[in-house]
C-alpha atoms as a PDB file:
ATOM      1  CA  ALA A   1      66.642  54.897 146.355  1.00  0.00           C
ATOM      2  CA  GLY A   2      69.091  54.131 144.157  1.00  0.00           C
ATOM      3  CA  THR A   3      72.740  52.582 143.745  1.00  0.00           C
ATOM      4  CA  ALA A   4      75.553  54.482 144.492  1.00  0.00           C
ATOM      5  CA  VAL A   5      78.365  54.653 141.994  1.00  0.00           C
ATOM      6  CA  ALA A   6      82.212  55.962 143.028  1.00  0.00           C
ATOM      7  CA  LYS A   7      83.047  58.854 140.574  1.00  0.00           C
ATOM      8  CA  ASP A   8      86.415  57.505 139.503  1.00  0.00           C
ATOM      9  CA  LYS A   9      84.154  53.651 138.696  1.00  0.00           C
ATOM     10  CA  GLU A  10      82.146  52.941 135.381  1.00  0.00           C
ATOM     11  CA  PRO A  11      78.623  51.413 136.674  1.00  0.00           C
ATOM     12  CA  ASN A  12      77.953  47.989 135.541  1.00  0.00           C
ATOM     13  CA  LEU A  13      74.817  47.237 133.472  1.00  0.00           C
ATOM     14  CA  ASP A  14      72.821  46.316 136.036  1.00  0.00           C
ATOM     15  CA  GLN A  15      73.508  49.910 138.288  1.00  0.00           C
ATOM     16  CA  VAL A  16      72.969  51.951 134.214  1.00  0.00           C
ATOM     17  CA  GLU A  17      69.589  50.125 133.472  1.00  0.00           C
ATOM     18  CA  LYS A  18      68.144  51.184 137.627  1.00  0.00           C
ATOM     19  CA  ALA A  19      69.472  54.643 136.884  1.00  0.00           C
ATOM     20  CA  ALA A  20      67.302  54.534 133.234  1.00  0.00           C
ATOM     21  CA  LYS A  21      64.446  52.614 134.999  1.00  0.00           C
ATOM     22  CA  TRP A  22      64.538  55.447 137.786  1.00  0.00           C
ATOM     23  CA  MET A  23      64.682  58.170 135.615  1.00  0.00           C
ATOM     24  CA  SER A  24      61.532  56.772 133.511  1.00  0.00           C
ATOM     25  CA  ALA A  25      59.669  56.563 136.057  1.00  0.00           C
ATOM     26  CA  ASN A  26      60.462  60.017 137.665  1.00  0.00           C
ATOM     27  CA  PHE A  27      60.561  62.135 134.640  1.00  0.00           C
ATOM     28  CA  PHE A  28      57.427  62.594 132.263  1.00  0.00           C
ATOM     29  CA  ASP A  29      59.804  64.023 129.123  1.00  0.00           C
ATOM     30  CA  VAL A  30      62.075  60.825 129.424  1.00  0.00           C
ATOM     31  CA  ARG A  31      59.709  58.037 129.683  1.00  0.00           C
ATOM     32  CA  CYS A  32      57.595  60.113 126.903  1.00  0.00           C
ATOM     33  CA  PHE A  33      60.349  60.966 124.064  1.00  0.00           C
ATOM     34  CA  GLY A  34      63.186  59.165 125.665  1.00  0.00           C
ATOM     35  CA  ALA A  35      66.997  60.399 126.684  1.00  0.00           C
ATOM     36  CA  VAL A  36      71.097  59.434 126.025  1.00  0.00           C
ATOM     37  CA  MET A  37      71.626  60.285 129.743  1.00  0.00           C
ATOM     38  CA  GLN A  38      75.445  59.810 129.426  1.00  0.00           C
ATOM     39  CA  THR A  39      76.514  62.852 130.907  1.00  0.00           C
ATOM     40  CA  GLY A  40      78.543  62.518 134.285  1.00  0.00           C
ATOM     41  CA  ALA A  41      77.099  59.135 135.869  1.00  0.00           C
ATOM     42  CA  ASN A  42      76.064  57.191 133.279  1.00  0.00           C
ATOM     43  CA  ALA A  43      72.312  56.564 133.555  1.00  0.00           C
ATOM     44  CA  GLY A  44      72.228  54.849 130.111  1.00  0.00           C
ATOM     45  CA  GLN A  45      69.732  55.400 127.141  1.00  0.00           C
ATOM     46  CA  VAL A  46      65.909  55.346 127.152  1.00  0.00           C
ATOM     47  CA  LEU A  47      64.238  54.925 123.657  1.00  0.00           C
ATOM     48  CA  GLY A  48      61.199  56.942 123.758  1.00  0.00           C
ATOM     49  CA  PRO A  49      57.912  55.636 122.472  1.00  0.00           C
ATOM     50  CA  VAL A  50      56.709  59.064 121.278  1.00  0.00           C
ATOM     51  CA  GLN A  51      58.621  60.572 117.786  1.00  0.00           C
ATOM     52  CA  MET A  52      57.020  63.135 115.962  1.00  0.00           C
ATOM     53  CA  THR A  53      58.338  64.356 112.251  1.00  0.00           C
ATOM     54  CA  PHE A  54      59.117  67.856 111.224  1.00  0.00           C
ATOM     55  CA  ALA A  55      55.742  69.728 110.285  1.00  0.00           C
ATOM     56  CA  ARG A  56      55.891  70.665 106.575  1.00  0.00           C
ATOM     57  CA  SER A  57      53.271  73.406 105.506  1.00  0.00           C
ATOM     58  CA  VAL A  58      50.621  71.737 102.828  1.00  0.00           C
ATOM     59  CA  ASP A  59      51.607  74.853  99.858  1.00  0.00           C
ATOM     60  CA  PRO A  60      54.573  76.559  99.639  1.00  0.00           C
ATOM     61  CA  VAL A  61      55.311  79.708 101.906  1.00  0.00           C
ATOM     62  CA  LEU A  62      56.918  82.852 101.572  1.00  0.00           C
ATOM     63  CA  PRO A  63      58.479  84.600 104.444  1.00  0.00           C
ATOM     64  CA  MET A  64      57.803  88.508 104.073  1.00  0.00           C
ATOM     65  CA  ASP A  65      60.268  90.880 106.690  1.00  0.00           C
ATOM     66  CA  ILE A  66      58.640  93.534 108.402  1.00  0.00           C
ATOM     67  CA  ALA A  67      60.781  96.049 109.915  1.00  0.00           C
ATOM     68  CA  ILE A  68      60.206  97.890 113.083  1.00  0.00           C
ATOM     69  CA  THR A  69      62.088 101.369 114.264  1.00  0.00           C
ATOM     70  CA  ARG A  70      62.352 101.609 117.741  1.00  0.00           C
ATOM     71  CA  MET A  71      61.915 105.723 118.802  1.00  0.00           C
ATOM     72  CA  ALA A  72      62.195 105.065 122.310  1.00  0.00           C
ATOM     73  CA  VAL A  73      65.372 105.954 124.502  1.00  0.00           C
ATOM     74  CA  ALA A  74      67.526 102.663 125.329  1.00  0.00           C
ATOM     75  CA  GLU A  75      70.766 104.395 126.854  1.00  0.00           C
ATOM     76  CA  ASP A  76      70.708 105.953 130.606  1.00  0.00           C
ATOM     77  CA  VAL A  77      69.794 109.164 129.779  1.00  0.00           C
ATOM     78  CA  LYS A  78      68.591 111.724 133.118  1.00  0.00           C
ATOM     79  CA  ASP A  79      65.196 113.635 132.096  1.00  0.00           C
ATOM     80  CA  GLU A  80      67.417 116.501 132.577  1.00  0.00           C
ATOM     81  CA  ASP A  81      70.034 115.562 130.595  1.00  0.00           C
ATOM     82  CA  TYR A  82      68.146 114.506 127.839  1.00  0.00           C
ATOM     83  CA  ASP A  83      67.582 117.925 125.594  1.00  0.00           C
ATOM     84  CA  LYS A  84      71.257 117.991 125.335  1.00  0.00           C
ATOM     85  CA  TRP A  85      71.547 114.073 124.901  1.00  0.00           C
ATOM     86  CA  ALA A  86      69.180 114.711 121.977  1.00  0.00           C
ATOM     87  CA  ASN A  87      71.013 117.586 120.393  1.00  0.00           C
ATOM     88  CA  ASP A  88      74.509 116.089 120.569  1.00  0.00           C
ATOM     89  CA  LYS A  89      73.397 112.605 118.702  1.00  0.00           C
ATOM     90  CA  PRO A  90      73.145 112.328 115.337  1.00  0.00           C
ATOM     91  CA  GLU A  91      69.477 111.603 114.197  1.00  0.00           C
ATOM     92  CA  SER A  92      70.001 107.834 112.995  1.00  0.00           C
ATOM     93  CA  ARG A  93      71.415 107.094 116.424  1.00  0.00           C
ATOM     94  CA  ARG A  94      68.169 108.021 118.336  1.00  0.00           C
ATOM     95  CA  ARG A  95      66.670 105.734 116.982  1.00  0.00           C
ATOM     96  CA  THR A  96      66.907 101.318 116.446  1.00  0.00           C
ATOM     97  CA  MET A  97      66.386  99.658 113.657  1.00  0.00           C
ATOM     98  CA  GLY A  98      64.803  95.761 113.914  1.00  0.00           C
ATOM     99  CA  GLY A  99      62.820  93.312 111.895  1.00  0.00           C
ATOM    100  CA  LYS A 100      60.697  90.164 112.094  1.00  0.00           C
ATOM    101  CA  GLN A 101      59.912  87.417 109.330  1.00  0.00           C
ATOM    102  CA  MET A 102      56.176  86.542 109.248  1.00  0.00           C
ATOM    103  CA  ILE A 103      54.439  84.132 106.910  1.00  0.00           C
ATOM    104  CA  PRO A 104      50.675  85.586 105.785  1.00  0.00           C
ATOM    105  CA  TYR A 105      49.592  82.104 106.089  1.00  0.00           C
ATOM    106  CA  GLY A 106      50.802  78.763 106.270  1.00  0.00           C
ATOM    107  CA  LEU A 107      48.595  75.296 107.190  1.00  0.00           C
ATOM    108  CA  TYR A 108      51.697  72.659 108.724  1.00  0.00           C
ATOM    109  CA  ALA A 109      51.172  69.469 108.600  1.00  0.00           C
ATOM    110  CA  PHE A 110      53.249  66.629 110.937  1.00  0.00           C
ATOM    111  CA  GLN A 111      52.793  62.951 112.209  1.00  0.00           C
ATOM    112  CA  ILE A 112      53.405  61.259 115.613  1.00  0.00           C
ATOM    113  CA  PHE A 113      54.352  57.945 116.166  1.00  0.00           C
ATOM    114  CA  ILE A 114      53.752  55.928 119.797  1.00  0.00           C
ATOM    115  CA  SER A 115      55.430  52.411 119.935  1.00  0.00           C
ATOM    116  CA  ALA A 116      53.254  50.580 122.183  1.00  0.00           C
ATOM    117  CA  ASN A 117      56.498  47.980 122.675  1.00  0.00           C
ATOM    118  CA  HIS A 118      58.906  51.119 123.323  1.00  0.00           C
ATOM    119  CA  ALA A 119      56.115  52.564 125.909  1.00  0.00           C
ATOM    120  CA  GLN A 120      55.781  49.430 128.270  1.00  0.00           C
ATOM    121  CA  LYS A 121      59.626  49.530 128.026  1.00  0.00           C
ATOM    122  CA  ALA A 122      59.825  53.486 129.028  1.00  0.00           C
ATOM    123  CA  GLY A 123      56.668  53.081 131.751  1.00  0.00           C
ATOM    124  CA  PHE A 124      54.582  55.232 129.219  1.00  0.00           C
ATOM    125  CA  THR A 125      50.713  55.007 130.390  1.00  0.00           C
ATOM    126  CA  GLU A 126      47.539  55.910 129.343  1.00  0.00           C
ATOM    127  CA  ALA A 127      47.769  58.443 131.587  1.00  0.00           C
ATOM    128  CA  ASP A 128      50.663  59.823 130.069  1.00  0.00           C
ATOM    129  CA  LEU A 129      48.910  59.794 127.004  1.00  0.00           C
ATOM    130  CA  GLY A 130      46.428  62.213 128.116  1.00  0.00           C
ATOM    131  CA  VAL A 131      48.988  64.498 129.423  1.00  0.00           C
ATOM    132  CA  LEU A 132      50.711  64.115 125.949  1.00  0.00           C
ATOM    133  CA  LYS A 133      46.824  64.908 124.267  1.00  0.00           C
ATOM    134  CA  GLU A 134      46.453  67.921 126.713  1.00  0.00           C
ATOM    135  CA  ALA A 135      49.707  69.524 125.747  1.00  0.00           C
ATOM    136  CA  LEU A 136      48.623  69.304 121.823  1.00  0.00           C
ATOM    137  CA  VAL A 137      45.337  70.324 122.110  1.00  0.00           C
ATOM    138  CA  ASN A 138      46.387  73.411 124.131  1.00  0.00           C
ATOM    139  CA  LEU A 139      49.715  73.657 121.956  1.00  0.00           C
ATOM    140  CA  PHE A 140      49.994  77.439 121.674  1.00  0.00           C
ATOM    141  CA  GLU A 141      46.905  78.894 124.038  1.00  0.00           C
ATOM    142  CA  LEU A 142      50.221  80.167 126.576  1.00  0.00           C
ATOM    143  CA  ASN A 143      52.822  80.998 124.043  1.00  0.00           C
ATOM    144  CA  ARG A 144      50.849  83.665 122.264  1.00  0.00           C
ATOM    145  CA  THR A 145      53.897  86.400 120.652  1.00  0.00           C
ATOM    146  CA  ALA A 146      53.486  89.005 117.879  1.00  0.00           C
ATOM    147  CA  SER A 147      54.982  86.645 115.624  1.00  0.00           C
ATOM    148  CA  LYS A 148      52.739  83.845 115.982  1.00  0.00           C
ATOM    149  CA  GLY A 149      49.471  85.270 117.730  1.00  0.00           C
ATOM    150  CA  PHE A 150      46.973  82.860 116.092  1.00  0.00           C
ATOM    151  CA  MET A 151      48.547  79.774 115.836  1.00  0.00           C
ATOM    152  CA  ALA A 152      46.401  76.790 116.876  1.00  0.00           C
ATOM    153  CA  PRO A 153      45.926  72.989 116.182  1.00  0.00           C
ATOM    154  CA  ARG A 154      43.115  72.503 113.604  1.00  0.00           C
ATOM    155  CA  GLY A 155      43.172  68.522 113.594  1.00  0.00           C
ATOM    156  CA  ILE A 156      44.778  65.968 115.711  1.00  0.00           C
ATOM    157  CA  PHE A 157      43.738  62.816 114.540  1.00  0.00           C
ATOM    158  CA  ALA A 158      44.806  59.287 116.374  1.00  0.00           C
ATOM    159  CA  PHE A 159      44.996  56.012 115.531  1.00  0.00           C
ATOM    160  CA  LYS A 160      44.704  53.105 117.712  1.00  0.00           C
ATOM    161  CA  HIS A 161      45.465  49.349 116.650  1.00  0.00           C
ATOM    162  CA  VAL A 162      43.066  46.960 118.664  1.00  0.00           C
ATOM    163  CA  GLY A 163      43.532  44.098 116.463  1.00  0.00           C
ATOM    164  CA  THR A 164      41.101  41.472 115.381  1.00  0.00           C
ATOM    165  CA  ASP A 165      41.644  38.297 116.834  1.00  0.00           C
ATOM    166  CA  SER A 166      38.809  36.726 118.998  1.00  0.00           C
ATOM    167  CA  ASN A 167      41.422  35.203 121.518  1.00  0.00           C
ATOM    168  CA  PRO A 168      42.172  38.439 123.873  1.00  0.00           C
ATOM    169  CA  GLU A 169      45.447  37.691 124.524  1.00  0.00           C
ATOM    170  CA  GLN A 170      46.474  37.530 120.691  1.00  0.00           C
ATOM    171  CA  ARG A 171      44.260  40.795 120.054  1.00  0.00           C
ATOM    172  CA  ILE A 172      46.511  42.468 122.295  1.00  0.00           C
ATOM    173  CA  ALA A 173      49.692  40.954 120.858  1.00  0.00           C
ATOM    174  CA  GLN A 174      48.512  41.779 117.112  1.00  0.00           C
ATOM    175  CA  ALA A 175      47.517  45.280 118.466  1.00  0.00           C
ATOM    176  CA  LYS A 176      50.958  45.672 119.804  1.00  0.00           C
ATOM    177  CA  LEU A 177      52.683  44.881 116.299  1.00  0.00           C
ATOM    178  CA  GLY A 178      50.379  47.048 114.607  1.00  0.00           C
ATOM    179  CA  CYS A 179      47.166  46.157 112.173  1.00  0.00           C
ATOM    180  CA  CYS A 180      48.668  48.139 109.471  1.00  0.00           C
ATOM    181  CA  PRO A 181      51.755  50.090 108.236  1.00  0.00           C
ATOM    182  CA  ALA A 182      51.594  53.312 109.649  1.00  0.00           C
ATOM    183  CA  HIS A 183      52.288  55.758 106.393  1.00  0.00           C
ATOM    184  CA  LYS A 184      48.780  53.866 105.206  1.00  0.00           C
ATOM    185  CA  LEU A 185      47.149  55.582 108.087  1.00  0.00           C
ATOM    186  CA  VAL A 186      49.167  59.277 108.449  1.00  0.00           C
ATOM    187  CA  GLU A 187      50.251  60.520 105.270  1.00  0.00           C
ATOM    188  CA  LEU A 188      48.108  63.354 104.047  1.00  0.00           C
ATOM    189  CA  GLY A 189      45.721  61.573 101.395  1.00  0.00           C
ATOM    190  CA  ALA A 190      45.812  58.256 102.805  1.00  0.00           C
ATOM    191  CA  VAL A 191      42.879  58.833 105.383  1.00  0.00           C
ATOM    192  CA  VAL A 192      43.178  62.634 105.995  1.00  0.00           C
ATOM    193  CA  ASN A 193      43.421  64.396 102.956  1.00  0.00           C
ATOM    194  CA  VAL A 194      43.826  68.269 102.844  1.00  0.00           C
ATOM    195  CA  LYS A 195      43.408  70.564  99.860  1.00  0.00           C
ATOM    196  CA  ARG A 196      43.215  73.960  98.953  1.00  0.00           C
ATOM    197  CA  GLN A 197      39.541  75.205  97.871  1.00  0.00           C
ATOM    198  CA  PRO A 198      39.245  75.282  94.215  1.00  0.00           C
ATOM    199  CA  SER A 199      38.345  78.676  94.374  1.00  0.00           C
ATOM    200  CA  VAL A 200      41.150  79.759  96.115  1.00  0.00           C
ATOM    201  CA  GLN A 201      44.689  80.495  94.682  1.00  0.00           C
ATOM    202  CA  PHE A 202      46.803  81.959  97.907  1.00  0.00           C
ATOM    203  CA  ALA A 203      45.668  80.461 101.174  1.00  0.00           C
ATOM    204  CA  ARG A 204      45.521  83.498 104.053  1.00  0.00           C
ATOM    205  CA  GLN A 205      43.070  81.668 106.372  1.00  0.00           C
ATOM    206  CA  PHE A 206      42.193  77.860 107.701  1.00  0.00           C
ATOM    207  CA  SER A 207      38.751  78.248 106.062  1.00  0.00           C
ATOM    208  CA  ASP A 208      40.924  78.654 102.217  1.00  0.00           C
ATOM    209  CA  TYR A 209      41.440  74.583 103.138  1.00  0.00           C
ATOM    210  CA  GLU A 210      39.314  71.376 102.955  1.00  0.00           C
ATOM    211  CA  VAL A 211      40.016  69.057 105.184  1.00  0.00           C
ATOM    212  CA  SER A 212      38.411  65.458 104.809  1.00  0.00           C
ATOM    213  CA  VAL A 213      38.774  61.757 106.444  1.00  0.00           C
ATOM    214  CA  ASP A 214      37.430  58.998 104.537  1.00  0.00           C
ATOM    215  CA  LEU A 215      36.552  56.187 107.061  1.00  0.00           C
ATOM    216  CA  ALA A 216      36.326  53.463 104.454  1.00  0.00           C
ATOM    217  CA  LYS A 217      40.091  53.035 104.152  1.00  0.00           C
ATOM    218  CA  ILE A 218      40.564  52.854 107.457  1.00  0.00           C
ATOM    219  CA  PRO A 219      41.720  49.135 108.044  1.00  0.00           C
ATOM    220  CA  ALA A 220      40.115  46.483 110.436  1.00  0.00           C
ATOM    221  CA  GLY A 221      41.376  46.775 113.977  1.00  0.00           C
ATOM    222  CA  VAL A 222      42.410  50.327 113.504  1.00  0.00           C
ATOM    223  CA  GLU A 223      40.164  52.843 115.766  1.00  0.00           C
ATOM    224  CA  MET A 224      40.321  56.365 114.843  1.00  0.00           C
ATOM    225  CA  GLN A 225      39.876  59.615 117.398  1.00  0.00           C
ATOM    226  CA  ASP A 226      39.234  63.135 116.558  1.00  0.00           C
ATOM    227  CA  TRP A 227      41.597  64.806 119.470  1.00  0.00           C
ATOM    228  CA  LEU A 228      39.796  68.489 118.753  1.00  0.00           C
ATOM    229  CA  ASN A 229      36.086  67.113 118.435  1.00  0.00           C
END
Protein backbone atom coordinates (compact mmCIF):
# COMPACT_ATOMS: atom_id res chain seq x y z
CA ALA A 1 0.00 0.00 0.00
CA GLY A 2 1.21 3.52 -0.75
CA THR A 3 0.29 6.95 -1.96
CA ALA A 4 0.44 7.73 -5.67
CA VAL A 5 2.10 11.00 -6.70
CA ALA A 6 1.86 12.49 -10.20
CA LYS A 7 5.16 12.55 -12.06
CA ASP A 8 5.01 16.32 -12.58
CA LYS A 9 4.20 17.05 -8.94
CA GLU A 10 6.62 17.12 -6.03
CA PRO A 11 5.54 14.90 -3.10
CA ASN A 12 4.81 16.65 0.19
CA LEU A 13 6.64 15.93 3.44
CA ASP A 14 4.07 13.40 4.64
CA GLN A 15 4.31 11.42 1.39
CA VAL A 16 8.13 11.44 1.49
CA GLU A 17 8.15 10.15 5.08
CA LYS A 18 5.66 7.40 4.22
CA ALA A 19 7.80 6.35 1.24
CA ALA A 20 10.94 6.27 3.40
CA LYS A 21 9.19 4.11 6.02
CA TRP A 22 7.95 1.74 3.31
CA MET A 23 11.48 1.38 1.88
CA SER A 24 12.91 0.69 5.34
CA ALA A 25 10.23 -1.88 6.11
CA ASN A 26 10.75 -3.77 2.85
CA PHE A 27 14.52 -3.61 2.23
CA PHE A 28 17.14 -4.82 4.71
CA ASP A 29 19.97 -2.77 3.18
CA VAL A 30 17.99 0.48 3.55
CA ARG A 31 17.09 0.00 7.21
CA CYS A 32 20.63 -1.25 7.89
CA PHE A 33 22.90 1.13 5.97
CA GLY A 34 20.49 3.89 5.00
CA ALA A 35 19.92 5.46 1.59
CA VAL A 36 19.32 8.74 -0.18
CA MET A 37 16.28 7.94 -2.34
CA GLN A 38 15.79 10.99 -4.49
CA THR A 39 16.22 9.51 -7.96
CA GLY A 40 12.90 9.60 -9.72
CA ALA A 41 10.11 9.63 -7.15
CA ASN A 42 11.39 11.26 -3.98
CA ALA A 43 11.43 8.79 -1.08
CA GLY A 44 13.54 10.99 1.13
CA GLN A 45 16.55 9.88 3.14
CA VAL A 46 17.02 7.13 5.69
CA LEU A 47 19.95 7.48 8.09
CA GLY A 48 21.47 4.02 8.39
CA PRO A 49 22.15 2.85 11.94
CA VAL A 50 25.10 0.73 10.75
CA GLN A 51 28.26 2.56 9.69
CA MET A 52 31.67 1.05 8.93
CA THR A 53 35.14 2.57 8.79
CA PHE A 54 37.75 1.77 6.15
CA ALA A 55 39.85 -1.31 6.95
CA ARG A 56 43.52 -0.61 7.65
CA SER A 57 46.34 -3.11 7.94
CA VAL A 58 47.94 -3.57 11.35
CA ASP A 59 51.39 -3.51 9.74
CA PRO A 60 52.45 -1.85 6.46
CA VAL A 61 51.86 -4.09 3.43
CA LEU A 62 53.68 -4.18 0.10
CA PRO A 63 51.63 -5.23 -2.94
CA MET A 64 53.41 -7.61 -5.33
CA ASP A 65 52.76 -7.97 -9.06
CA ILE A 66 52.36 -11.45 -10.53
CA ALA A 67 52.65 -11.87 -14.28
CA ILE A 68 50.26 -14.27 -16.02
CA THR A 69 50.74 -15.69 -19.50
CA ARG A 70 47.73 -17.18 -21.23
CA MET A 71 48.74 -19.78 -23.82
CA ALA A 72 45.22 -20.70 -24.93
CA VAL A 73 43.93 -19.45 -28.26
CA ALA A 74 41.35 -16.75 -27.63
CA GLU A 75 40.35 -16.15 -31.24
CA ASP A 76 37.70 -17.82 -33.35
CA VAL A 77 39.87 -20.41 -35.13
CA LYS A 78 38.58 -23.74 -36.40
CA ASP A 79 40.57 -26.84 -35.57
CA GLU A 80 41.36 -27.57 -39.20
CA ASP A 81 42.64 -24.01 -39.70
CA TYR A 82 44.78 -23.84 -36.55
CA ASP A 83 48.12 -24.80 -38.15
CA LYS A 84 47.78 -22.13 -40.82
CA TRP A 85 46.66 -19.57 -38.22
CA ALA A 86 49.64 -20.41 -35.98
CA ASN A 87 52.14 -20.17 -38.84
CA ASP A 88 50.80 -16.79 -39.95
CA LYS A 89 50.77 -15.29 -36.45
CA PRO A 90 53.92 -13.85 -34.86
CA GLU A 91 55.02 -15.64 -31.68
CA SER A 92 54.09 -12.66 -29.54
CA ARG A 93 50.48 -12.69 -30.86
CA ARG A 94 49.82 -16.27 -29.76
CA ARG A 95 50.03 -15.39 -26.09
CA THR A 96 48.24 -12.92 -23.89
CA MET A 97 50.02 -11.27 -20.98
CA GLY A 98 48.19 -10.25 -17.85
CA GLY A 99 48.85 -9.64 -14.22
CA LYS A 100 47.45 -9.71 -10.70
CA GLN A 101 48.43 -7.96 -7.54
CA MET A 102 48.78 -9.79 -4.26
CA ILE A 103 49.87 -9.13 -0.70
CA PRO A 104 51.96 -11.85 1.00
CA TYR A 105 49.92 -11.35 4.17
CA GLY A 106 47.89 -8.57 5.74
CA LEU A 107 45.83 -8.40 8.91
CA TYR A 108 43.19 -5.68 8.62
CA ALA A 109 41.09 -4.06 11.33
CA PHE A 110 37.99 -1.92 11.00
CA GLN A 111 35.21 -0.67 13.24
CA ILE A 112 31.42 -0.92 12.94
CA PHE A 113 29.10 1.47 14.73
CA ILE A 114 25.39 0.82 15.32
CA SER A 115 23.27 3.71 16.56
CA ALA A 116 20.38 2.60 18.74
CA ASN A 117 18.48 5.83 18.02
CA HIS A 118 18.85 5.54 14.23
CA ALA A 119 17.99 1.84 14.48
CA GLN A 120 14.71 2.65 16.22
CA LYS A 121 13.82 5.23 13.58
CA ALA A 122 14.78 3.02 10.61
CA GLY A 123 13.13 -0.10 12.04
CA PHE A 124 16.43 -2.01 12.43
CA THR A 125 15.64 -4.93 14.76
CA GLU A 126 17.48 -7.58 16.78
CA ALA A 127 16.65 -10.01 13.96
CA ASP A 128 18.37 -7.66 11.50
CA LEU A 129 21.37 -7.56 13.81
CA GLY A 130 21.45 -11.36 13.66
CA VAL A 131 21.52 -11.23 9.86
CA LEU A 132 24.39 -8.72 9.96
CA LYS A 133 26.28 -10.92 12.42
CA GLU A 134 25.84 -13.99 10.18
CA ALA A 135 27.05 -11.99 7.17
CA LEU A 136 30.20 -10.86 9.01
CA VAL A 137 31.00 -14.35 10.31
CA ASN A 138 30.65 -15.86 6.80
CA LEU A 139 32.06 -12.83 5.01
CA PHE A 140 34.29 -14.64 2.51
CA GLU A 141 32.94 -18.20 2.50
CA LEU A 142 30.96 -17.80 -0.73
CA ASN A 143 33.36 -15.42 -2.46
CA ARG A 144 36.59 -17.37 -2.92
CA THR A 145 38.90 -16.19 -5.68
CA ALA A 146 42.55 -16.71 -6.62
CA SER A 147 43.50 -13.38 -5.05
CA LYS A 148 41.64 -13.84 -1.75
CA GLY A 149 41.37 -17.57 -1.30
CA PHE A 150 42.18 -17.63 2.41
CA MET A 151 40.69 -14.34 3.57
CA ALA A 152 38.68 -14.87 6.73
CA PRO A 153 37.42 -12.92 9.75
CA ARG A 154 39.73 -13.65 12.68
CA GLY A 155 37.96 -11.75 15.43
CA ILE A 156 34.63 -9.96 15.74
CA PHE A 157 34.23 -8.25 19.09
CA ALA A 158 30.83 -6.69 19.78
CA PHE A 159 30.26 -4.15 22.56
CA LYS A 160 26.71 -3.61 23.77
CA HIS A 161 25.66 -0.71 26.00
CA VAL A 162 23.22 -2.00 28.62
CA GLY A 163 23.26 0.83 31.20
CA THR A 164 23.77 0.85 34.95
CA ASP A 165 20.70 2.60 36.37
CA SER A 166 18.52 0.61 38.80
CA ASN A 167 15.36 1.89 37.08
CA PRO A 168 14.66 -0.27 33.98
CA GLU A 169 13.32 2.62 31.88
CA GLN A 170 16.20 4.90 32.81
CA ARG A 171 18.65 2.08 32.10
CA ILE A 172 17.24 1.68 28.56
CA ALA A 173 17.48 5.43 27.94
CA GLN A 174 21.04 5.44 29.28
CA ALA A 175 22.01 2.52 27.07
CA LYS A 176 20.63 4.25 23.96
CA LEU A 177 22.84 7.26 24.66
CA GLY A 178 25.85 5.05 25.39
CA CYS A 179 27.74 4.42 28.59
CA CYS A 180 31.13 5.60 27.31
CA PRO A 181 32.63 7.17 24.16
CA ALA A 182 32.97 4.67 21.29
CA HIS A 183 36.71 5.19 20.79
CA LYS A 184 37.36 3.93 24.33
CA LEU A 185 35.98 0.57 23.24
CA VAL A 186 36.81 0.02 19.58
CA GLU A 187 40.22 1.60 18.98
CA LEU A 188 43.00 -0.97 18.79
CA GLY A 189 44.71 -1.01 22.16
CA ALA A 190 41.65 0.25 24.04
CA VAL A 191 40.15 -3.15 24.92
CA VAL A 192 41.32 -5.36 22.05
CA ASN A 193 45.01 -5.23 21.23
CA VAL A 194 46.77 -6.74 18.21
CA LYS A 195 50.54 -6.92 17.98
CA ARG A 196 53.10 -8.86 16.01
CA GLN A 197 54.97 -11.59 17.87
CA PRO A 198 58.37 -10.28 19.05
CA SER A 199 60.25 -12.99 17.12
CA VAL A 200 58.50 -12.21 13.83
CA GLN A 201 59.96 -9.57 11.51
CA PHE A 202 57.48 -9.91 8.65
CA ALA A 203 54.04 -11.40 9.28
CA ARG A 204 53.03 -14.16 6.86
CA GLN A 205 50.19 -15.83 8.77
CA PHE A 206 47.68 -15.05 11.50
CA SER A 207 49.68 -16.91 14.14
CA ASP A 208 52.42 -14.30 13.67
CA TYR A 209 50.15 -11.95 15.63
CA GLU A 210 48.93 -12.00 19.20
CA VAL A 211 45.37 -10.83 19.88
CA SER A 212 44.53 -10.02 23.49
CA VAL A 213 41.43 -8.66 25.23
CA ASP A 214 41.69 -6.66 28.45
CA LEU A 215 38.30 -7.19 30.09
CA ALA A 216 39.26 -4.85 32.95
CA LYS A 217 39.10 -1.91 30.51
CA ILE A 218 35.43 -2.49 29.71
CA PRO A 219 33.49 0.17 31.66
CA ALA A 220 30.37 -0.42 33.72
CA GLY A 221 27.21 -0.61 31.65
CA VAL A 222 28.93 -2.26 28.67
CA GLU A 223 29.03 -5.95 27.74
CA MET A 224 31.34 -7.59 25.21
CA GLN A 225 30.70 -10.63 23.02
CA ASP A 226 33.10 -12.50 20.75
CA TRP A 227 30.95 -13.32 17.73
CA LEU A 228 33.41 -15.89 16.39
CA ASN A 229 33.52 -17.96 19.59
